[in-house]
Protein backbone atom coordinates (compact mmCIF):
# COMPACT_ATOMS: atom_id res chain seq x y z
CA UNK A 1 -163.61 -64.36 17.15
CA UNK A 2 -163.52 -68.23 19.26
CA UNK A 3 -166.49 -70.38 19.54
CA UNK A 4 -166.43 -71.40 22.86
CA UNK A 5 -167.22 -68.96 25.70
CA UNK A 6 -166.59 -70.98 28.57
CA UNK A 7 -162.47 -72.59 28.64
CA UNK A 8 -161.92 -74.38 31.64
CA UNK A 9 -158.19 -74.80 31.08
CA UNK A 10 -155.50 -72.62 31.96
CA UNK A 11 -154.16 -69.78 28.82
CA UNK A 12 -152.47 -71.93 25.66
CA UNK A 13 -151.10 -67.98 24.54
CA UNK A 14 -150.13 -65.38 26.87
CA UNK A 15 -148.68 -62.00 26.27
CA UNK A 16 -147.06 -60.25 28.84
CA UNK A 17 -145.79 -56.56 28.96
CA UNK A 18 -142.86 -56.66 31.35
CA UNK A 19 -142.36 -53.29 32.68
CA UNK A 20 -140.85 -52.17 35.60
CA UNK A 21 -137.06 -53.27 35.05
CA UNK A 22 -136.17 -49.50 34.98
CA UNK A 23 -137.51 -48.63 38.95
CA UNK A 24 -136.36 -51.68 40.29
CA UNK A 25 -132.84 -50.55 39.29
CA UNK A 26 -133.55 -46.97 41.05
CA UNK A 27 -134.74 -48.51 44.08
CA UNK A 28 -131.24 -50.17 44.44
CA UNK A 29 -129.72 -46.83 43.47
CA UNK A 30 -128.40 -48.43 40.48
CA UNK A 31 -129.22 -47.71 35.87
CA UNK A 32 -131.88 -47.99 33.92
CA UNK A 33 -129.65 -50.63 32.42
CA UNK A 34 -128.87 -52.83 35.34
CA UNK A 35 -132.60 -53.62 35.41
CA UNK A 36 -132.73 -54.26 31.81
CA UNK A 37 -130.13 -56.69 32.57
CA UNK A 38 -132.13 -58.27 35.60
CA UNK A 39 -135.19 -58.31 33.03
CA UNK A 40 -133.99 -60.88 30.42
CA UNK A 41 -132.90 -62.99 33.07
CA UNK A 42 -136.34 -63.35 34.49
CA UNK A 43 -137.58 -63.75 31.04
CA UNK A 44 -135.39 -67.15 30.69
CA UNK A 45 -137.22 -68.41 34.00
CA UNK A 46 -140.64 -66.87 32.78
CA UNK A 47 -139.97 -68.65 29.29
CA UNK A 48 -138.97 -72.49 30.62
CA UNK A 49 -141.61 -72.39 33.15
CA UNK A 50 -144.40 -72.01 30.27
CA UNK A 51 -144.09 -76.00 29.75
CA UNK A 52 -145.30 -77.40 32.70
CA UNK A 53 -147.83 -74.93 33.23
CA UNK A 54 -149.47 -75.30 30.19
CA UNK A 55 -148.61 -72.10 28.16
CA UNK A 56 -147.84 -72.79 24.10
CA UNK A 57 -147.63 -69.70 23.47
CA UNK A 58 -145.96 -66.85 25.11
CA UNK A 59 -145.44 -62.83 23.44
CA UNK A 60 -143.31 -60.72 25.21
CA UNK A 61 -143.33 -56.76 24.57
CA UNK A 62 -139.65 -56.36 24.72
CA UNK A 63 -138.63 -52.75 22.74
CA UNK A 64 -141.43 -50.59 21.94
CA UNK A 65 -141.98 -48.29 18.63
CA UNK A 66 -142.47 -45.52 20.99
CA UNK A 67 -138.75 -46.28 23.05
CA UNK A 68 -136.94 -44.56 20.50
CA UNK A 69 -137.50 -41.66 22.61
CA UNK A 70 -135.01 -42.99 25.51
CA UNK A 71 -131.70 -41.62 26.06
CA UNK A 72 -129.39 -42.41 23.23
CA UNK A 73 -126.96 -44.68 26.79
CA UNK A 74 -130.45 -46.63 27.36
CA UNK A 75 -131.28 -46.89 23.45
CA UNK A 76 -127.57 -48.51 22.76
CA UNK A 77 -127.41 -51.19 26.06
CA UNK A 78 -131.05 -52.27 24.97
CA UNK A 79 -129.84 -52.73 21.41
CA UNK A 80 -126.27 -54.34 22.84
CA UNK A 81 -128.75 -56.62 25.56
CA UNK A 82 -130.67 -57.79 22.57
CA UNK A 83 -128.01 -58.78 20.32
CA UNK A 84 -126.27 -61.06 23.87
CA UNK A 85 -129.65 -62.43 24.75
CA UNK A 86 -129.94 -63.56 21.08
CA UNK A 87 -125.73 -65.21 21.54
CA UNK A 88 -126.18 -66.32 25.19
CA UNK A 89 -129.98 -67.58 24.76
CA UNK A 90 -130.15 -69.14 21.25
CA UNK A 91 -128.24 -72.81 21.95
CA UNK A 92 -130.45 -73.55 25.39
CA UNK A 93 -134.21 -72.07 22.55
CA UNK A 94 -132.97 -74.73 20.63
CA UNK A 95 -132.29 -77.40 22.99
CA UNK A 96 -135.55 -77.24 25.15
CA UNK A 97 -137.53 -76.87 21.96
CA UNK A 98 -138.44 -73.43 21.99
CA UNK A 99 -139.08 -71.77 18.86
CA UNK A 100 -138.67 -68.16 18.20
CA UNK A 101 -140.27 -65.19 16.32
CA UNK A 102 -139.67 -61.32 16.21
CA UNK A 103 -142.27 -59.30 15.54
CA UNK A 104 -142.29 -55.14 14.67
CA UNK A 105 -140.99 -53.52 12.56
CA UNK A 106 -137.17 -53.99 10.97
CA UNK A 107 -136.38 -51.50 9.38
CA UNK A 108 -134.65 -49.25 11.74
CA UNK A 109 -132.67 -52.24 13.94
CA UNK A 110 -128.91 -52.32 12.58
CA UNK A 111 -128.34 -55.18 10.47
CA UNK A 112 -126.00 -57.11 12.56
CA UNK A 113 -128.83 -57.60 14.92
CA UNK A 114 -131.54 -58.12 12.34
CA UNK A 115 -129.14 -61.04 10.54
CA UNK A 116 -128.85 -62.11 14.43
CA UNK A 117 -132.88 -62.27 14.18
CA UNK A 118 -133.75 -63.97 10.69
CA UNK A 119 -130.64 -66.71 11.69
CA UNK A 120 -132.46 -67.69 15.45
CA UNK A 121 -135.92 -67.80 13.67
CA UNK A 122 -134.13 -70.02 11.65
CA UNK A 123 -132.32 -71.89 13.64
CA UNK A 124 -135.32 -72.98 15.72
CA UNK A 125 -138.04 -73.04 12.76
CA UNK A 126 -138.32 -77.23 13.68
CA UNK A 127 -139.30 -76.56 17.87
CA UNK A 128 -142.62 -76.95 18.66
CA UNK A 129 -142.44 -76.68 22.49
CA UNK A 130 -143.08 -72.78 23.22
CA UNK A 131 -143.97 -70.65 20.96
CA UNK A 132 -141.80 -67.48 21.86
CA UNK A 133 -142.72 -64.50 19.57
CA UNK A 134 -140.33 -61.15 20.99
CA UNK A 135 -141.68 -58.33 20.01
CA UNK A 136 -138.89 -55.91 18.88
CA UNK A 137 -139.84 -52.15 17.44
CA UNK A 138 -143.01 -53.21 18.01
CA UNK A 139 -146.04 -50.64 18.03
CA UNK A 140 -149.74 -52.32 18.00
CA UNK A 141 -150.91 -49.16 15.32
CA UNK A 142 -147.69 -49.45 13.59
CA UNK A 143 -148.29 -53.11 12.93
CA UNK A 144 -152.09 -51.91 11.63
CA UNK A 145 -150.75 -49.92 9.25
CA UNK A 146 -147.94 -51.74 7.46
CA UNK A 147 -150.85 -54.15 7.76
CA UNK A 148 -153.79 -52.32 5.87
CA UNK A 149 -150.63 -50.51 2.89
CA UNK A 150 -150.02 -54.50 2.15
CA UNK A 151 -153.57 -54.87 2.01
CA UNK A 152 -154.23 -52.24 -0.22
CA UNK A 153 -151.23 -53.14 -2.73
CA UNK A 154 -153.57 -56.30 -2.69
CA UNK A 155 -156.07 -54.26 -4.32
CA UNK A 156 -154.14 -52.31 -6.23
CA UNK A 157 -152.20 -55.37 -7.83
CA UNK A 158 -155.34 -57.09 -8.76
CA UNK A 159 -154.80 -59.95 -6.53
CA UNK A 160 -158.07 -58.28 -4.45
CA UNK A 161 -160.95 -56.43 -4.38
CA UNK A 162 -162.36 -54.56 -1.97
CA UNK A 163 -165.47 -56.90 -1.58
CA UNK A 164 -162.16 -59.23 0.12
CA UNK A 165 -161.37 -57.39 2.89
CA UNK A 166 -163.11 -58.15 5.42
CA UNK A 167 -161.70 -59.22 10.01
CA UNK A 168 -160.30 -62.56 8.78
CA UNK A 169 -158.51 -60.88 5.63
CA UNK A 170 -156.65 -57.96 7.50
CA UNK A 171 -155.95 -60.80 10.26
CA UNK A 172 -153.41 -62.63 7.49
CA UNK A 173 -151.45 -58.63 6.61
CA UNK A 174 -150.49 -58.39 10.87
CA UNK A 175 -147.14 -59.90 12.13
CA UNK A 176 -148.80 -62.10 13.75
CA UNK A 177 -150.36 -64.32 10.56
CA UNK A 178 -149.40 -67.39 11.77
CA UNK A 179 -150.70 -67.13 15.94
CA UNK A 180 -153.48 -67.85 17.89
CA UNK A 181 -154.61 -64.35 19.69
CA UNK A 182 -153.55 -64.56 23.31
CA UNK A 183 -156.16 -65.54 25.89
CA UNK A 184 -154.31 -63.56 28.27
CA UNK A 185 -152.28 -60.10 28.97
CA UNK A 186 -150.55 -59.63 31.64
CA UNK A 187 -148.26 -56.06 32.42
CA UNK A 188 -146.62 -55.83 35.10
CA UNK A 189 -145.60 -52.76 37.49
CA UNK A 190 -148.91 -51.75 38.48
CA UNK A 191 -149.39 -49.65 35.54
CA UNK A 192 -153.28 -50.41 34.15
CA UNK A 193 -152.65 -49.31 30.18
CA UNK A 194 -151.64 -51.57 27.19
CA UNK A 195 -149.24 -49.20 25.79
CA UNK A 196 -149.63 -49.30 21.54
CA UNK A 197 -149.48 -53.55 22.23
CA UNK A 198 -151.29 -56.40 20.33
CA UNK A 199 -154.43 -53.42 19.94
CA UNK A 200 -155.87 -55.90 16.81
CA UNK A 201 -155.51 -59.87 19.06
CA UNK A 202 -156.57 -58.89 22.27
CA UNK A 203 -159.82 -57.16 21.56
CA UNK A 204 -161.08 -60.08 23.47
CA UNK A 205 -158.03 -61.01 25.57
CA UNK A 206 -158.00 -61.12 29.11
CA UNK A 207 -155.94 -58.64 31.32
CA UNK A 208 -154.74 -58.86 34.31
CA UNK A 209 -152.65 -55.78 35.66
CA UNK A 210 -150.19 -56.45 38.68
CA UNK A 211 -148.19 -54.53 40.63
CA UNK A 212 -144.57 -56.51 40.61
CA UNK A 213 -141.78 -55.27 38.80
CA UNK A 214 -140.63 -57.57 35.91
CA UNK A 215 -137.63 -58.13 37.06
CA UNK A 216 -139.69 -59.89 40.42
CA UNK A 217 -141.74 -61.56 38.88
CA UNK A 218 -141.09 -65.31 39.78
CA UNK A 219 -142.58 -68.92 38.01
CA UNK A 220 -144.67 -68.73 41.28
CA UNK A 221 -146.89 -65.66 40.45
CA UNK A 222 -146.85 -66.82 37.12
CA UNK A 223 -148.85 -69.50 38.00
CA UNK A 224 -151.16 -67.67 40.62
CA UNK A 225 -151.91 -65.57 37.62
CA UNK A 226 -153.02 -68.62 35.54
CA UNK A 227 -154.30 -70.08 37.88
CA UNK A 228 -156.95 -67.13 38.32
CA UNK A 229 -157.51 -66.99 34.58
CA UNK A 230 -158.94 -70.68 34.81
CA UNK A 231 -162.11 -68.87 36.85
CA UNK A 232 -162.81 -66.39 34.38
CA UNK A 233 -166.36 -66.98 32.72
CA UNK A 234 -165.56 -65.48 28.84
CA UNK A 235 -168.12 -64.95 26.61
CA UNK A 236 -166.73 -62.87 23.63
CA UNK A 237 -170.03 -60.83 23.41
CA UNK A 238 -172.39 -63.94 24.09
CA UNK A 239 -175.14 -64.28 26.32
CA UNK A 240 -175.05 -67.64 28.08
CA UNK A 241 -178.06 -69.28 28.79
């Protein structure tokens, strides 16, 4: 758990549930995939804004373990969009100092996409200006379940004992083990739920639920939300004297 209870600066790690692409498209009489493409362009703007806004880590929810329930057309379109995003953005991400990581279970993703994800992670591994983490086929419960299985295996093989298990130990088996916990979680589109996103990591995060649909979430609005974070008092369960 973080030790300082009253940070006066902006959040170093922001996580975003990018909601509202489909509704944005439907409001314009277009198919849902049109909104997803607009949302991908918005990702580019928000990532580029991070250094100026003091955000070192940005984690975005791109595709959940539950999103497979959507129509075959939408799922196939999203998978194609992810491949195109990597192809189009890889060199710009590299040039702009963005390190990319993917979290989530890759087993259900096609081999070509997984290879592209691996290559992008390797290509940007030495970057340190912004750490962009993309949650793809990700679910918080699934992540904790997979971590618990790995931890159980370590106990079965004698590398750990049950007495070694605490919150810090389990955290080392999560997809996000190399990242700090998010300071702020933003959800766009007016929905006020966390949708199985970073359940363990966001235990002490601040939350901001805003009405703006993701394709309309500009750098200016991002800055406004971040400025509001700086006015909050985070106590992490403590009581200030």
